[in-house]
C-alpha atoms as a PDB file:
ATOM      1  CA  UNK A   1       0.000   0.000   0.000  1.00  0.00           C
ATOM      2  CA  UNK A   2       1.364   3.394  -0.980  1.00  0.00           C
ATOM      3  CA  UNK A   3       1.555   6.110   1.685  1.00  0.00           C
ATOM      4  CA  UNK A   4      -0.324   9.384   1.141  1.00  0.00           C
ATOM      5  CA  UNK A   5       1.624  12.660   0.831  1.00  0.00           C
ATOM      6  CA  UNK A   6       0.537  13.574   4.367  1.00  0.00           C
ATOM      7  CA  UNK A   7       1.652  10.191   5.762  1.00  0.00           C
ATOM      8  CA  UNK A   8       5.027  10.579   4.038  1.00  0.00           C
ATOM      9  CA  UNK A   9       5.732  13.646   6.175  1.00  0.00           C
ATOM     10  CA  UNK A  10       4.979  11.961   9.498  1.00  0.00           C
ATOM     11  CA  UNK A  11       7.654  10.020  11.379  1.00  0.00           C
ATOM     12  CA  UNK A  12       7.578   6.241  11.670  1.00  0.00           C
ATOM     13  CA  UNK A  13       8.015   4.568  15.041  1.00  0.00           C
ATOM     14  CA  UNK A  14      10.501   1.691  14.942  1.00  0.00           C
ATOM     15  CA  UNK A  15      12.130  -0.712  17.389  1.00  0.00           C
ATOM     16  CA  UNK A  16      15.915  -0.371  17.244  1.00  0.00           C
ATOM     17  CA  UNK A  17      18.289  -2.978  18.665  1.00  0.00           C
ATOM     18  CA  UNK A  18      21.713  -2.391  20.188  1.00  0.00           C
ATOM     19  CA  UNK A  19      24.528  -3.722  18.025  1.00  0.00           C
ATOM     20  CA  UNK A  20      22.586  -3.671  14.740  1.00  0.00           C
ATOM     21  CA  UNK A  21      23.446  -1.358  11.848  1.00  0.00           C
ATOM     22  CA  UNK A  22      20.603   0.528  10.205  1.00  0.00           C
ATOM     23  CA  UNK A  23      20.536   2.447   6.940  1.00  0.00           C
ATOM     24  CA  UNK A  24      18.164   5.446   6.910  1.00  0.00           C
ATOM     25  CA  UNK A  25      16.871   6.551   3.510  1.00  0.00           C
ATOM     26  CA  UNK A  26      18.004  10.060   2.513  1.00  0.00           C
ATOM     27  CA  UNK A  27      16.502  10.163  -0.993  1.00  0.00           C
ATOM     28  CA  UNK A  28      12.825   9.595  -0.156  1.00  0.00           C
ATOM     29  CA  UNK A  29      12.372   7.020  -2.941  1.00  0.00           C
ATOM     30  CA  UNK A  30      12.503   3.865  -0.823  1.00  0.00           C
ATOM     31  CA  UNK A  31       9.521   1.514  -0.630  1.00  0.00           C
ATOM     32  CA  UNK A  32      10.735   0.504   2.862  1.00  0.00           C
ATOM     33  CA  UNK A  33      10.521   3.926   4.572  1.00  0.00           C
ATOM     34  CA  UNK A  34      12.324   4.951   6.743  1.00  0.00           C
ATOM     35  CA  UNK A  35      15.024   2.464   5.728  1.00  0.00           C
ATOM     36  CA  UNK A  36      17.037   2.379   2.506  1.00  0.00           C
ATOM     37  CA  UNK A  37      16.150  -0.203  -0.142  1.00  0.00           C
ATOM     38  CA  UNK A  38      18.707   0.927  -2.747  1.00  0.00           C
ATOM     39  CA  UNK A  39      16.288   3.096  -4.755  1.00  0.00           C
ATOM     40  CA  UNK A  40      18.857   5.934  -4.653  1.00  0.00           C
ATOM     41  CA  UNK A  41      21.105   4.015  -7.056  1.00  0.00           C
ATOM     42  CA  UNK A  42      22.405   6.340  -9.763  1.00  0.00           C
ATOM     43  CA  UNK A  43      21.693   9.506  -7.756  1.00  0.00           C
ATOM     44  CA  UNK A  44      23.844  11.676  -5.504  1.00  0.00           C
ATOM     45  CA  UNK A  45      22.096  10.282  -2.405  1.00  0.00           C
ATOM     46  CA  UNK A  46      23.575   7.722  -0.019  1.00  0.00           C
ATOM     47  CA  UNK A  47      21.889   6.103   2.992  1.00  0.00           C
ATOM     48  CA  UNK A  48      22.857   7.223   6.486  1.00  0.00           C
ATOM     49  CA  UNK A  49      24.307   4.350   8.512  1.00  0.00           C
ATOM     50  CA  UNK A  50      23.478   4.478  12.220  1.00  0.00           C
ATOM     51  CA  UNK A  51      23.195   2.338  15.329  1.00  0.00           C
ATOM     52  CA  UNK A  52      21.939   2.804  18.885  1.00  0.00           C
ATOM     53  CA  UNK A  53      23.669   2.254  22.223  1.00  0.00           C
ATOM     54  CA  UNK A  54      20.679   0.422  23.743  1.00  0.00           C
ATOM     55  CA  UNK A  55      17.458  -1.228  22.582  1.00  0.00           C
ATOM     56  CA  UNK A  56      14.832   1.487  22.123  1.00  0.00           C
ATOM     57  CA  UNK A  57      11.806   2.710  20.264  1.00  0.00           C
ATOM     58  CA  UNK A  58      12.379   5.794  18.119  1.00  0.00           C
ATOM     59  CA  UNK A  59      10.524   7.982  15.656  1.00  0.00           C
ATOM     60  CA  UNK A  60      12.503   8.180  12.415  1.00  0.00           C
ATOM     61  CA  UNK A  61      12.060  11.055   9.995  1.00  0.00           C
ATOM     62  CA  UNK A  62      10.355  10.528   6.643  1.00  0.00           C
ATOM     63  CA  UNK A  63      10.060  14.167   5.494  1.00  0.00           C
ATOM     64  CA  UNK A  64      13.891  14.408   5.199  1.00  0.00           C
ATOM     65  CA  UNK A  65      13.843  17.916   6.731  1.00  0.00           C
ATOM     66  CA  UNK A  66      15.088  16.895  10.190  1.00  0.00           C
ATOM     67  CA  UNK A  67      18.165  18.589  11.622  1.00  0.00           C
ATOM     68  CA  UNK A  68      18.841  15.434  13.715  1.00  0.00           C
ATOM     69  CA  UNK A  69      18.896  12.620  11.139  1.00  0.00           C
ATOM     70  CA  UNK A  70      17.678   9.942  11.233  1.00  0.00           C
ATOM     71  CA  UNK A  71      15.483  11.033  14.143  1.00  0.00           C
ATOM     72  CA  UNK A  72      12.373  13.167  13.733  1.00  0.00           C
ATOM     73  CA  UNK A  73      12.775  16.651  15.246  1.00  0.00           C
ATOM     74  CA  UNK A  74       9.317  17.987  14.326  1.00  0.00           C
ATOM     75  CA  UNK A  75      10.442  19.782  11.154  1.00  0.00           C
ATOM     76  CA  UNK A  76       7.442  18.349   9.282  1.00  0.00           C
ATOM     77  CA  UNK A  77       5.168  20.538  11.501  1.00  0.00           C
ATOM     78  CA  UNK A  78       2.700  17.709  11.998  1.00  0.00           C
ATOM     79  CA  UNK A  79       0.109  17.267  14.745  1.00  0.00           C
ATOM     80  CA  UNK A  80       2.574  15.662  17.157  1.00  0.00           C
ATOM     81  CA  UNK A  81       5.836  17.180  18.410  1.00  0.00           C
ATOM     82  CA  UNK A  82       8.974  15.045  18.565  1.00  0.00           C
ATOM     83  CA  UNK A  83      12.454  15.902  19.773  1.00  0.00           C
ATOM     84  CA  UNK A  84      15.375  13.575  19.041  1.00  0.00           C
ATOM     85  CA  UNK A  85      12.924  10.866  18.118  1.00  0.00           C
ATOM     86  CA  UNK A  86      10.983  11.013  21.386  1.00  0.00           C
ATOM     87  CA  UNK A  87       7.321  11.983  21.681  1.00  0.00           C
ATOM     88  CA  UNK A  88       7.226  15.062  23.920  1.00  0.00           C
ATOM     89  CA  UNK A  89       3.619  16.281  23.690  1.00  0.00           C
ATOM     90  CA  UNK A  90       0.497  16.239  21.593  1.00  0.00           C
ATOM     91  CA  UNK A  91      -0.686  19.592  20.256  1.00  0.00           C
END
């Protein structure tokens, strides 16, 4: 199922595991948002490799406007505010 334009701006909550490497999509073309599926091939975009220091839930950016990649920082100006990937309050 394809995500609507509005859904594509909202962060996606994921479970991240300590010790695993993740590759966050920077091009916005992936079918596996927020993770890279190689759709950037042939473009100037490269995925962002990241890991976490402990198992945790996080909200990863899908609008690609975050100043704290790969974590949502609320740059999408949606209905929910996030800082460093953590839900801080509902508007």
